[in-house]
N, C-alpha and C. Protein backbone atom coordinates (compact mmCIF):
# COMPACT_ATOMS: atom_id res chain seq x y z
N MET A 1 71.68 41.59 37.74
CA MET A 1 71.81 43.01 37.45
C MET A 1 72.62 43.70 38.54
N ARG A 2 72.33 43.35 39.82
CA ARG A 2 73.04 43.97 40.93
C ARG A 2 74.53 43.64 40.86
N THR A 3 74.84 42.38 40.53
CA THR A 3 76.23 41.98 40.42
C THR A 3 76.95 42.77 39.33
N PHE A 4 76.25 42.97 38.22
CA PHE A 4 76.84 43.72 37.10
C PHE A 4 77.12 45.16 37.50
N LEU A 5 76.16 45.78 38.22
CA LEU A 5 76.33 47.17 38.62
C LEU A 5 77.48 47.33 39.61
N LEU A 6 77.57 46.39 40.56
CA LEU A 6 78.66 46.45 41.53
C LEU A 6 80.01 46.28 40.84
N SER A 7 80.05 45.35 39.88
CA SER A 7 81.28 45.12 39.14
C SER A 7 81.70 46.37 38.38
N SER A 8 80.72 47.03 37.75
CA SER A 8 81.02 48.24 37.00
C SER A 8 81.52 49.35 37.92
N LEU A 9 80.90 49.43 39.13
CA LEU A 9 81.31 50.46 40.08
C LEU A 9 82.74 50.26 40.52
N PHE A 10 83.09 49.01 40.86
CA PHE A 10 84.46 48.74 41.31
C PHE A 10 85.47 48.96 40.19
N THR A 11 85.04 48.77 38.96
CA THR A 11 85.93 49.03 37.82
C THR A 11 86.24 50.52 37.70
N LEU A 12 85.25 51.36 38.03
CA LEU A 12 85.42 52.79 37.90
C LEU A 12 86.18 53.40 39.07
N LEU A 13 86.13 52.75 40.25
CA LEU A 13 86.70 53.33 41.45
C LEU A 13 88.18 53.70 41.32
N PRO A 14 89.05 52.85 40.76
CA PRO A 14 90.45 53.22 40.64
C PRO A 14 90.67 54.49 39.83
N ALA A 15 89.90 54.64 38.73
CA ALA A 15 90.05 55.82 37.90
C ALA A 15 89.62 57.07 38.66
N LEU A 16 88.50 56.94 39.43
CA LEU A 16 88.03 58.08 40.19
C LEU A 16 89.01 58.44 41.30
N ALA A 17 89.56 57.43 41.95
CA ALA A 17 90.48 57.68 43.05
C ALA A 17 91.78 58.29 42.59
N ALA A 18 92.12 58.10 41.32
CA ALA A 18 93.40 58.59 40.81
C ALA A 18 93.42 60.10 40.64
N GLU A 19 92.25 60.74 40.61
CA GLU A 19 92.19 62.17 40.38
C GLU A 19 91.29 62.87 41.40
N PRO A 20 91.58 62.75 42.67
CA PRO A 20 90.74 63.43 43.66
C PRO A 20 90.81 64.94 43.49
N GLY A 21 89.67 65.59 43.59
CA GLY A 21 89.63 67.04 43.50
C GLY A 21 89.44 67.59 42.11
N PHE A 22 89.52 66.75 41.09
CA PHE A 22 89.32 67.22 39.72
C PHE A 22 87.84 67.19 39.35
N ARG A 23 87.46 68.13 38.52
CA ARG A 23 86.09 68.13 37.99
C ARG A 23 86.13 68.45 36.51
N PRO A 24 85.24 67.84 35.73
CA PRO A 24 85.24 68.08 34.29
C PRO A 24 84.81 69.51 33.96
N ILE A 25 85.40 70.09 32.93
CA ILE A 25 84.94 71.38 32.43
C ILE A 25 84.35 71.25 31.03
N PHE A 26 84.29 70.03 30.53
CA PHE A 26 83.62 69.73 29.26
C PHE A 26 82.79 68.48 29.50
N ASP A 27 81.47 68.58 29.25
CA ASP A 27 80.56 67.48 29.58
C ASP A 27 80.48 66.40 28.51
N GLY A 28 81.20 66.57 27.41
CA GLY A 28 81.19 65.57 26.35
C GLY A 28 79.99 65.62 25.44
N LYS A 29 79.06 66.54 25.73
CA LYS A 29 77.81 66.61 24.96
C LYS A 29 77.50 67.98 24.39
N SER A 30 78.01 69.02 25.03
CA SER A 30 77.62 70.37 24.65
C SER A 30 78.74 71.35 25.01
N LEU A 31 78.51 72.62 24.70
CA LEU A 31 79.46 73.68 25.06
C LEU A 31 78.99 74.43 26.30
N ALA A 32 78.19 73.76 27.12
CA ALA A 32 77.73 74.36 28.37
C ALA A 32 78.93 74.73 29.23
N GLY A 33 78.93 75.94 29.77
CA GLY A 33 80.02 76.40 30.60
C GLY A 33 81.14 77.09 29.83
N TRP A 34 80.95 77.20 28.51
CA TRP A 34 81.95 77.83 27.65
C TRP A 34 81.33 78.98 26.86
N THR A 35 82.15 79.92 26.46
CA THR A 35 81.66 81.01 25.62
C THR A 35 82.65 81.25 24.48
N LEU A 36 82.13 81.43 23.27
CA LEU A 36 82.95 81.61 22.09
C LEU A 36 83.15 83.10 21.82
N VAL A 37 84.41 83.49 21.64
CA VAL A 37 84.76 84.89 21.36
C VAL A 37 85.48 84.95 20.02
N LYS A 38 85.03 85.83 19.16
CA LYS A 38 85.64 86.02 17.83
C LYS A 38 85.72 84.70 17.07
N GLY A 39 84.65 83.94 17.13
CA GLY A 39 84.60 82.68 16.40
C GLY A 39 84.44 82.91 14.91
N HIS A 40 84.84 81.93 14.14
CA HIS A 40 84.59 82.01 12.70
C HIS A 40 84.20 80.63 12.20
N GLY A 41 83.47 80.60 11.08
CA GLY A 41 82.94 79.34 10.59
C GLY A 41 82.06 78.70 11.66
N PRO A 42 82.16 77.40 11.84
CA PRO A 42 81.34 76.72 12.85
C PRO A 42 81.87 76.90 14.26
N GLY A 43 82.98 77.61 14.44
CA GLY A 43 83.54 77.78 15.78
C GLY A 43 84.09 76.46 16.28
N TYR A 44 83.57 76.00 17.42
CA TYR A 44 83.91 74.69 17.98
C TYR A 44 82.65 73.84 18.01
N VAL A 45 82.81 72.54 17.79
CA VAL A 45 81.66 71.64 17.77
C VAL A 45 81.98 70.40 18.61
N VAL A 46 80.92 69.70 19.01
CA VAL A 46 81.07 68.47 19.78
C VAL A 46 80.69 67.29 18.88
N ARG A 47 81.61 66.33 18.77
CA ARG A 47 81.37 65.15 17.96
C ARG A 47 81.79 63.90 18.74
N ASP A 48 80.84 63.03 19.02
CA ASP A 48 81.13 61.75 19.67
C ASP A 48 81.94 61.94 20.95
N GLY A 49 81.55 62.91 21.76
CA GLY A 49 82.20 63.13 23.04
C GLY A 49 83.51 63.89 22.96
N ILE A 50 83.84 64.40 21.78
CA ILE A 50 85.10 65.11 21.58
C ILE A 50 84.81 66.57 21.24
N LEU A 51 85.58 67.47 21.83
CA LEU A 51 85.47 68.90 21.54
C LEU A 51 86.40 69.22 20.37
N VAL A 52 85.82 69.63 19.26
CA VAL A 52 86.56 69.74 18.00
C VAL A 52 86.66 71.20 17.56
N CYS A 53 87.89 71.60 17.23
CA CYS A 53 88.10 72.85 16.50
C CYS A 53 88.31 72.45 15.05
N PRO A 54 87.30 72.61 14.19
CA PRO A 54 87.44 72.18 12.79
C PRO A 54 88.41 73.07 12.02
N ALA A 55 88.89 72.55 10.91
CA ALA A 55 89.81 73.32 10.08
C ALA A 55 89.17 74.60 9.55
N ASP A 56 87.85 74.58 9.38
CA ASP A 56 87.15 75.77 8.88
C ASP A 56 86.49 76.55 10.01
N GLY A 57 86.88 76.25 11.25
CA GLY A 57 86.30 76.93 12.40
C GLY A 57 87.37 77.58 13.25
N GLY A 58 87.09 77.67 14.55
CA GLY A 58 88.07 78.24 15.47
C GLY A 58 87.58 79.50 16.14
N GLY A 59 88.51 80.30 16.58
CA GLY A 59 88.22 81.41 17.47
C GLY A 59 88.67 81.03 18.87
N ASN A 60 88.27 81.81 19.85
CA ASN A 60 88.65 81.55 21.24
C ASN A 60 87.44 81.05 22.02
N LEU A 61 87.57 79.85 22.55
CA LEU A 61 86.50 79.26 23.34
C LEU A 61 86.95 79.28 24.80
N PHE A 62 86.30 80.12 25.61
CA PHE A 62 86.72 80.32 26.99
C PHE A 62 85.74 79.69 27.98
N THR A 63 86.28 79.25 29.11
CA THR A 63 85.41 78.85 30.21
C THR A 63 84.68 80.10 30.71
N GLU A 64 83.44 79.92 31.10
CA GLU A 64 82.71 81.04 31.69
C GLU A 64 83.29 81.40 33.05
N LYS A 65 83.79 80.41 33.74
CA LYS A 65 84.37 80.61 35.06
C LYS A 65 85.82 81.08 34.94
N GLU A 66 86.25 81.88 35.89
CA GLU A 66 87.64 82.30 35.97
C GLU A 66 88.38 81.41 36.98
N TYR A 67 89.67 81.25 36.73
CA TYR A 67 90.51 80.41 37.60
C TYR A 67 91.78 81.17 37.95
N SER A 68 92.31 80.90 39.13
CA SER A 68 93.55 81.51 39.58
C SER A 68 94.67 80.47 39.58
N ASP A 69 94.79 79.69 40.65
CA ASP A 69 95.77 78.60 40.73
C ASP A 69 95.05 77.29 40.45
N PHE A 70 95.60 76.47 39.57
CA PHE A 70 94.88 75.26 39.18
C PHE A 70 95.80 74.28 38.47
N VAL A 71 95.30 73.06 38.34
CA VAL A 71 95.90 72.04 37.49
C VAL A 71 94.87 71.69 36.43
N LEU A 72 95.25 71.80 35.17
CA LEU A 72 94.38 71.44 34.05
C LEU A 72 94.94 70.18 33.40
N ARG A 73 94.10 69.16 33.27
CA ARG A 73 94.48 67.94 32.57
C ARG A 73 93.54 67.74 31.39
N PHE A 74 94.10 67.28 30.27
CA PHE A 74 93.29 67.07 29.08
C PHE A 74 94.05 66.19 28.11
N GLU A 75 93.34 65.72 27.11
CA GLU A 75 93.94 64.99 26.00
C GLU A 75 93.66 65.77 24.72
N PHE A 76 94.58 65.69 23.79
CA PHE A 76 94.40 66.41 22.53
C PHE A 76 95.04 65.63 21.39
N LYS A 77 94.55 65.91 20.20
CA LYS A 77 95.07 65.30 18.98
C LYS A 77 95.09 66.36 17.89
N VAL A 78 96.21 66.49 17.20
CA VAL A 78 96.32 67.49 16.13
C VAL A 78 96.35 66.81 14.77
N ALA A 79 95.80 67.48 13.78
CA ALA A 79 96.00 67.07 12.39
C ALA A 79 97.39 67.53 11.98
N PRO A 80 97.94 67.02 10.88
CA PRO A 80 99.24 67.50 10.42
C PRO A 80 99.26 69.03 10.30
N GLY A 81 100.24 69.65 10.96
CA GLY A 81 100.33 71.10 10.94
C GLY A 81 99.37 71.79 11.90
N GLY A 82 98.70 71.03 12.76
CA GLY A 82 97.70 71.59 13.66
C GLY A 82 98.26 72.66 14.59
N ASN A 83 97.44 73.68 14.84
CA ASN A 83 97.86 74.84 15.64
C ASN A 83 96.70 75.30 16.49
N ASN A 84 96.90 75.30 17.80
CA ASN A 84 95.89 75.77 18.74
C ASN A 84 96.65 76.28 19.96
N GLY A 85 96.00 76.46 21.05
CA GLY A 85 96.69 76.90 22.25
C GLY A 85 95.76 76.83 23.44
N ILE A 86 96.33 76.79 24.63
CA ILE A 86 95.56 76.84 25.87
C ILE A 86 95.79 78.20 26.50
N GLY A 87 94.75 79.00 26.54
CA GLY A 87 94.84 80.28 27.22
C GLY A 87 94.66 80.07 28.72
N ILE A 88 95.48 80.73 29.52
CA ILE A 88 95.34 80.65 30.97
C ILE A 88 95.38 82.05 31.56
N ARG A 89 94.58 82.22 32.62
CA ARG A 89 94.44 83.53 33.28
C ARG A 89 94.19 84.62 32.23
N ALA A 90 93.34 84.30 31.28
CA ALA A 90 93.11 85.21 30.15
C ALA A 90 91.80 85.97 30.31
N PRO A 91 91.76 87.23 29.87
CA PRO A 91 90.49 87.94 29.80
C PRO A 91 89.72 87.49 28.56
N LEU A 92 88.46 87.86 28.48
CA LEU A 92 87.66 87.47 27.32
C LEU A 92 87.99 88.31 26.10
N GLU A 93 88.50 89.49 26.31
CA GLU A 93 88.81 90.39 25.20
C GLU A 93 90.32 90.54 25.04
N GLY A 94 90.72 90.91 23.85
CA GLY A 94 92.15 91.08 23.57
C GLY A 94 92.78 89.77 23.15
N ASP A 95 94.05 89.79 22.84
CA ASP A 95 94.78 88.60 22.41
C ASP A 95 95.21 87.83 23.64
N ALA A 96 94.68 86.63 23.82
CA ALA A 96 94.94 85.85 25.03
C ALA A 96 96.40 85.51 25.21
N ALA A 97 97.18 85.46 24.12
CA ALA A 97 98.60 85.14 24.22
C ALA A 97 99.39 86.27 24.87
N TYR A 98 98.80 87.45 24.93
CA TYR A 98 99.49 88.62 25.48
C TYR A 98 98.75 89.19 26.69
N GLN A 99 97.43 89.30 26.58
CA GLN A 99 96.64 89.82 27.70
C GLN A 99 96.46 88.76 28.79
N GLY A 100 96.67 87.50 28.42
CA GLY A 100 96.75 86.39 29.37
C GLY A 100 98.06 85.68 29.09
N MET A 101 98.02 84.37 29.01
CA MET A 101 99.16 83.56 28.58
C MET A 101 98.65 82.44 27.69
N GLU A 102 99.46 82.02 26.74
CA GLU A 102 99.08 80.91 25.88
C GLU A 102 100.13 79.81 25.96
N ILE A 103 99.67 78.60 26.28
CA ILE A 103 100.53 77.43 26.21
C ILE A 103 100.32 76.82 24.84
N GLN A 104 101.38 76.75 24.05
CA GLN A 104 101.27 76.33 22.67
C GLN A 104 100.77 74.89 22.52
N ILE A 105 99.88 74.70 21.55
CA ILE A 105 99.54 73.37 21.03
C ILE A 105 99.85 73.45 19.54
N LEU A 106 100.90 72.73 19.13
CA LEU A 106 101.39 72.92 17.77
C LEU A 106 102.13 71.67 17.29
N ASP A 107 101.82 71.27 16.09
CA ASP A 107 102.58 70.21 15.42
C ASP A 107 103.84 70.86 14.85
N HIS A 108 104.76 71.21 15.76
CA HIS A 108 105.87 72.09 15.37
C HIS A 108 106.88 71.44 14.44
N GLY A 109 106.82 70.10 14.31
CA GLY A 109 107.74 69.44 13.39
C GLY A 109 107.27 69.43 11.95
N HIS A 110 106.08 69.94 11.70
CA HIS A 110 105.52 69.94 10.34
C HIS A 110 106.32 70.86 9.42
N GLU A 111 106.32 70.52 8.17
CA GLU A 111 107.10 71.25 7.17
C GLU A 111 106.76 72.74 7.15
N ARG A 112 105.50 73.08 7.40
CA ARG A 112 105.10 74.49 7.29
C ARG A 112 105.77 75.37 8.34
N TYR A 113 106.29 74.77 9.43
CA TYR A 113 106.88 75.56 10.49
C TYR A 113 108.42 75.53 10.50
N LYS A 114 109.02 74.66 9.72
CA LYS A 114 110.47 74.50 9.77
C LYS A 114 111.18 75.79 9.37
N GLY A 115 112.06 76.25 10.26
CA GLY A 115 112.81 77.46 10.00
C GLY A 115 112.01 78.74 10.15
N LYS A 116 110.75 78.63 10.61
CA LYS A 116 109.88 79.80 10.65
C LYS A 116 109.43 80.17 12.05
N ILE A 117 109.72 79.30 13.04
CA ILE A 117 109.27 79.59 14.40
C ILE A 117 110.44 79.53 15.37
N LYS A 118 110.29 80.24 16.49
CA LYS A 118 111.29 80.27 17.54
C LYS A 118 111.06 79.11 18.51
N PRO A 119 112.07 78.75 19.32
CA PRO A 119 111.87 77.71 20.33
C PRO A 119 110.69 78.01 21.26
N SER A 120 110.46 79.28 21.56
CA SER A 120 109.36 79.65 22.46
C SER A 120 108.00 79.59 21.77
N GLN A 121 107.97 79.09 20.54
CA GLN A 121 106.70 78.86 19.84
C GLN A 121 106.44 77.37 19.65
N HIS A 122 107.35 76.52 20.12
CA HIS A 122 107.15 75.08 20.01
C HIS A 122 106.07 74.63 21.00
N HIS A 123 105.57 73.43 20.76
CA HIS A 123 104.51 72.90 21.62
C HIS A 123 104.95 72.91 23.09
N GLY A 124 104.02 73.32 23.95
CA GLY A 124 104.25 73.32 25.38
C GLY A 124 104.90 74.58 25.91
N SER A 125 105.34 75.46 25.03
CA SER A 125 105.97 76.71 25.46
C SER A 125 104.92 77.70 25.96
N VAL A 126 105.36 78.59 26.87
CA VAL A 126 104.57 79.78 27.15
C VAL A 126 104.86 80.73 26.00
N TYR A 127 103.89 80.91 25.15
CA TYR A 127 104.11 81.52 23.84
C TYR A 127 104.96 82.78 23.90
N ASP A 128 106.08 82.74 23.18
CA ASP A 128 106.95 83.90 22.97
C ASP A 128 107.70 84.34 24.22
N VAL A 129 107.63 83.51 25.30
CA VAL A 129 108.30 83.90 26.54
C VAL A 129 109.24 82.80 27.05
N PHE A 130 108.68 81.62 27.35
CA PHE A 130 109.47 80.50 27.85
C PHE A 130 109.35 79.33 26.89
N ALA A 131 110.48 78.77 26.49
CA ALA A 131 110.48 77.64 25.55
C ALA A 131 110.41 76.31 26.29
N ALA A 132 109.63 75.39 25.76
CA ALA A 132 109.65 74.02 26.28
C ALA A 132 111.05 73.45 26.09
N THR A 133 111.50 72.65 27.05
CA THR A 133 112.88 72.14 27.01
C THR A 133 112.97 70.71 26.51
N LYS A 134 111.83 70.04 26.37
CA LYS A 134 111.82 68.68 25.85
C LYS A 134 110.70 68.54 24.83
N ASP A 135 110.80 67.51 23.98
CA ASP A 135 109.80 67.27 22.95
C ASP A 135 109.30 65.84 23.07
N THR A 136 108.12 65.68 23.67
CA THR A 136 107.51 64.34 23.78
C THR A 136 106.17 64.31 23.06
N LEU A 137 105.99 65.22 22.10
CA LEU A 137 104.75 65.28 21.33
C LEU A 137 104.66 64.07 20.41
N LYS A 138 103.51 63.41 20.44
CA LYS A 138 103.30 62.26 19.57
C LYS A 138 103.00 62.73 18.14
N PRO A 139 103.17 61.86 17.16
CA PRO A 139 102.90 62.26 15.78
C PRO A 139 101.45 62.71 15.58
N ALA A 140 101.25 63.57 14.61
CA ALA A 140 99.91 64.04 14.29
C ALA A 140 98.98 62.85 14.08
N GLY A 141 97.75 62.96 14.62
CA GLY A 141 96.78 61.88 14.50
C GLY A 141 96.72 60.98 15.72
N GLU A 142 97.67 61.15 16.68
CA GLU A 142 97.67 60.34 17.90
C GLU A 142 97.28 61.22 19.09
N TRP A 143 96.61 60.60 20.07
CA TRP A 143 96.20 61.32 21.27
C TRP A 143 97.38 61.54 22.20
N ASN A 144 97.46 62.73 22.75
CA ASN A 144 98.45 63.12 23.75
C ASN A 144 97.76 63.44 25.07
N GLU A 145 98.46 63.22 26.18
CA GLU A 145 97.97 63.61 27.49
C GLU A 145 98.83 64.77 28.00
N GLU A 146 98.16 65.83 28.46
CA GLU A 146 98.91 66.99 28.94
C GLU A 146 98.34 67.49 30.26
N GLU A 147 99.25 68.03 31.08
CA GLU A 147 98.87 68.67 32.33
C GLU A 147 99.55 70.02 32.41
N ILE A 148 98.78 71.05 32.74
CA ILE A 148 99.31 72.39 32.97
C ILE A 148 99.01 72.75 34.42
N ARG A 149 100.05 73.03 35.17
CA ARG A 149 99.89 73.41 36.58
C ARG A 149 100.42 74.82 36.75
N ILE A 150 99.60 75.70 37.30
CA ILE A 150 100.03 77.06 37.59
C ILE A 150 99.61 77.40 39.01
N GLN A 151 100.57 77.83 39.79
CA GLN A 151 100.32 78.20 41.19
C GLN A 151 101.20 79.40 41.52
N GLY A 152 100.55 80.52 41.80
CA GLY A 152 101.30 81.75 41.96
C GLY A 152 102.00 82.08 40.66
N SER A 153 103.32 82.26 40.72
CA SER A 153 104.09 82.58 39.51
C SER A 153 104.74 81.34 38.90
N LYS A 154 104.55 80.17 39.50
CA LYS A 154 105.20 78.95 39.02
C LYS A 154 104.28 78.22 38.04
N ILE A 155 104.84 77.81 36.92
CA ILE A 155 104.07 77.08 35.91
C ILE A 155 104.86 75.86 35.46
N ARG A 156 104.15 74.76 35.28
CA ARG A 156 104.77 73.52 34.84
C ARG A 156 103.87 72.86 33.81
N VAL A 157 104.47 72.37 32.73
CA VAL A 157 103.73 71.66 31.68
C VAL A 157 104.30 70.25 31.57
N THR A 158 103.41 69.27 31.65
CA THR A 158 103.80 67.86 31.54
C THR A 158 103.09 67.27 30.33
N LEU A 159 103.85 66.68 29.43
CA LEU A 159 103.30 66.10 28.21
C LEU A 159 103.65 64.62 28.14
N ASN A 160 102.62 63.79 28.10
CA ASN A 160 102.82 62.34 28.01
C ASN A 160 103.78 61.86 29.10
N LYS A 161 103.48 62.36 30.34
CA LYS A 161 104.18 61.94 31.57
C LYS A 161 105.60 62.48 31.70
N THR A 162 106.00 63.41 30.85
CA THR A 162 107.32 64.02 30.94
C THR A 162 107.17 65.53 31.11
N VAL A 163 107.85 66.09 32.10
CA VAL A 163 107.83 67.54 32.29
C VAL A 163 108.63 68.18 31.15
N ILE A 164 107.97 69.04 30.40
CA ILE A 164 108.65 69.68 29.26
C ILE A 164 108.89 71.16 29.48
N LEU A 165 108.29 71.71 30.55
CA LEU A 165 108.54 73.12 30.86
C LEU A 165 108.30 73.36 32.34
N GLU A 166 109.23 74.06 32.97
CA GLU A 166 109.07 74.59 34.32
C GLU A 166 109.59 76.01 34.30
N ALA A 167 108.79 76.95 34.76
CA ALA A 167 109.20 78.35 34.70
C ALA A 167 108.59 79.12 35.85
N ASP A 168 109.22 80.23 36.15
CA ASP A 168 108.72 81.16 37.17
C ASP A 168 108.44 82.48 36.47
N LEU A 169 107.18 82.82 36.38
CA LEU A 169 106.78 84.03 35.66
C LEU A 169 107.39 85.28 36.26
N SER A 170 107.66 85.24 37.56
CA SER A 170 108.18 86.43 38.24
C SER A 170 109.61 86.76 37.80
N THR A 171 110.28 85.82 37.14
CA THR A 171 111.65 86.08 36.69
C THR A 171 111.69 86.99 35.46
N VAL A 172 110.54 87.20 34.84
CA VAL A 172 110.48 88.11 33.69
C VAL A 172 110.43 89.53 34.23
N GLN A 173 111.51 90.26 34.04
CA GLN A 173 111.62 91.62 34.57
C GLN A 173 111.84 92.67 33.48
N ASP A 174 112.12 92.22 32.26
CA ASP A 174 112.38 93.15 31.16
C ASP A 174 111.13 93.99 30.88
N PRO A 175 111.20 95.31 31.01
CA PRO A 175 110.02 96.16 30.81
C PRO A 175 109.39 95.99 29.43
N GLU A 176 110.22 95.75 28.41
CA GLU A 176 109.67 95.60 27.06
C GLU A 176 108.87 94.30 26.94
N VAL A 177 109.36 93.23 27.56
CA VAL A 177 108.63 91.95 27.53
C VAL A 177 107.32 92.09 28.29
N LEU A 178 107.36 92.73 29.44
CA LEU A 178 106.15 92.91 30.25
C LEU A 178 105.15 93.84 29.56
N LYS A 179 105.65 94.79 28.82
CA LYS A 179 104.75 95.67 28.07
C LYS A 179 104.03 94.88 26.98
N LYS A 180 104.77 93.96 26.35
CA LYS A 180 104.19 93.14 25.29
C LYS A 180 103.29 92.04 25.85
N HIS A 181 103.66 91.53 27.04
CA HIS A 181 102.94 90.42 27.67
C HIS A 181 102.46 90.80 29.06
N PRO A 182 101.54 91.75 29.18
CA PRO A 182 101.08 92.14 30.52
C PRO A 182 100.37 91.01 31.25
N GLY A 183 99.87 90.03 30.50
CA GLY A 183 99.16 88.90 31.12
C GLY A 183 100.03 88.03 32.00
N LEU A 184 101.35 88.16 31.89
CA LEU A 184 102.25 87.39 32.76
C LEU A 184 102.04 87.73 34.22
N ARG A 185 101.47 88.89 34.50
CA ARG A 185 101.25 89.32 35.88
C ARG A 185 99.81 89.08 36.33
N ASN A 186 98.98 88.52 35.46
CA ASN A 186 97.60 88.22 35.87
C ASN A 186 97.59 87.19 36.98
N THR A 187 96.65 87.34 37.90
CA THR A 187 96.50 86.36 38.99
C THR A 187 95.28 85.48 38.80
N LYS A 188 94.41 85.82 37.86
CA LYS A 188 93.27 84.97 37.54
C LYS A 188 92.75 85.32 36.17
N GLY A 189 91.91 84.46 35.64
CA GLY A 189 91.32 84.69 34.32
C GLY A 189 90.68 83.41 33.82
N HIS A 190 90.31 83.41 32.56
CA HIS A 190 89.62 82.27 31.97
C HIS A 190 90.62 81.27 31.38
N ILE A 191 90.21 80.02 31.29
CA ILE A 191 90.92 79.01 30.53
C ILE A 191 90.31 79.02 29.13
N GLY A 192 91.14 78.97 28.11
CA GLY A 192 90.60 79.04 26.76
C GLY A 192 91.28 78.09 25.79
N LEU A 193 90.55 77.75 24.75
CA LEU A 193 91.09 77.02 23.60
C LEU A 193 91.21 78.04 22.47
N LEU A 194 92.42 78.20 21.96
CA LEU A 194 92.71 79.31 21.05
C LEU A 194 92.97 78.76 19.65
N GLY A 195 91.91 78.65 18.87
CA GLY A 195 91.99 78.02 17.57
C GLY A 195 92.55 78.93 16.49
N HIS A 196 93.30 78.31 15.57
CA HIS A 196 93.93 79.08 14.49
C HIS A 196 93.64 78.48 13.12
N GLY A 197 92.42 77.98 12.93
CA GLY A 197 92.02 77.52 11.60
C GLY A 197 92.63 76.20 11.17
N THR A 198 92.93 75.32 12.12
CA THR A 198 93.39 73.97 11.80
C THR A 198 92.64 72.98 12.69
N LEU A 199 92.58 71.73 12.26
CA LEU A 199 91.86 70.72 13.01
C LEU A 199 92.64 70.29 14.25
N VAL A 200 92.05 70.51 15.41
CA VAL A 200 92.60 70.04 16.69
C VAL A 200 91.42 69.55 17.53
N GLU A 201 91.59 68.40 18.18
CA GLU A 201 90.52 67.79 18.96
C GLU A 201 90.93 67.66 20.42
N PHE A 202 89.95 67.79 21.32
CA PHE A 202 90.18 67.72 22.76
C PHE A 202 89.18 66.77 23.41
N ARG A 203 89.62 66.16 24.50
CA ARG A 203 88.69 65.35 25.30
C ARG A 203 89.22 65.27 26.74
N ASN A 204 88.32 64.86 27.64
CA ASN A 204 88.68 64.64 29.05
C ASN A 204 89.31 65.88 29.69
N LEU A 205 88.73 67.04 29.44
CA LEU A 205 89.24 68.26 30.07
C LEU A 205 88.72 68.33 31.49
N ARG A 206 89.63 68.45 32.45
CA ARG A 206 89.22 68.55 33.85
C ARG A 206 90.20 69.42 34.62
N VAL A 207 89.70 70.02 35.71
CA VAL A 207 90.46 71.01 36.47
C VAL A 207 90.40 70.71 37.95
N GLN A 208 91.53 70.93 38.60
CA GLN A 208 91.59 70.94 40.06
C GLN A 208 92.05 72.33 40.48
N GLU A 209 91.24 73.01 41.27
CA GLU A 209 91.64 74.32 41.78
C GLU A 209 92.53 74.14 42.99
N LEU A 210 93.57 74.96 43.09
CA LEU A 210 94.55 74.84 44.16
C LEU A 210 94.36 75.94 45.20
C-alpha cells in the first residue's frame, strides 16, 4: 500500500509543479464559491466533475471573490453553435460585457453566425472591442485549453497553446467606445461565466493572482 501511495504521489508531482501559484475556483462537485445572477432554467449544474451551462439554462455565474490582476486557466467544450463568455473585472449587476469585459466563447464558424457577427465577436475576442487575430478553436464537441492573462491594462488570450489576442486596454481612447464599455477601465471585479442559452461545458478552472 505504501509503495502504491508513493508511486501515485510522484505521478502527481509533475502536474502540480507545472502550475505553481494556481488554485482551483471550481471544486468539481458543487457551485461553492460562485453566485448565479439572472439565471434561467436550471442555471448552471455540475455533472461528473464538469461545470455545465445547459441549453435550457444559463445566466451569469460569478465568482464570489473579486480579482484584479490574474491568470485564468480552464478547459471548455461547446456544442455546435455554442455561445458563452468569460466575464473579467465584472460587477455582479449590469451587462458584464460592458460594465466589465467579456472574452468570447463562441463556435463562431457555425452556420448560425456566418455573415452575422463582427471579427470582435469571434472566439477569444474582447467582446466588441478587440478582435482575436488567430483561430485555433477546435471543432464543437472537443475540449479546448484556454488561458486569459490580465495585468494592469495588458490582456492576453492563449487558446490551445497559441496566443490569439494581445491588447492594451489603455489604447482605447474614443469617448463613445468608453461610454459604451466603461468596464475597460475597471481595475478589479468578478470572474464570470456568461451563458446565452446554449450547451457549453467547463472544467479545471484555476486562477493565479498576480
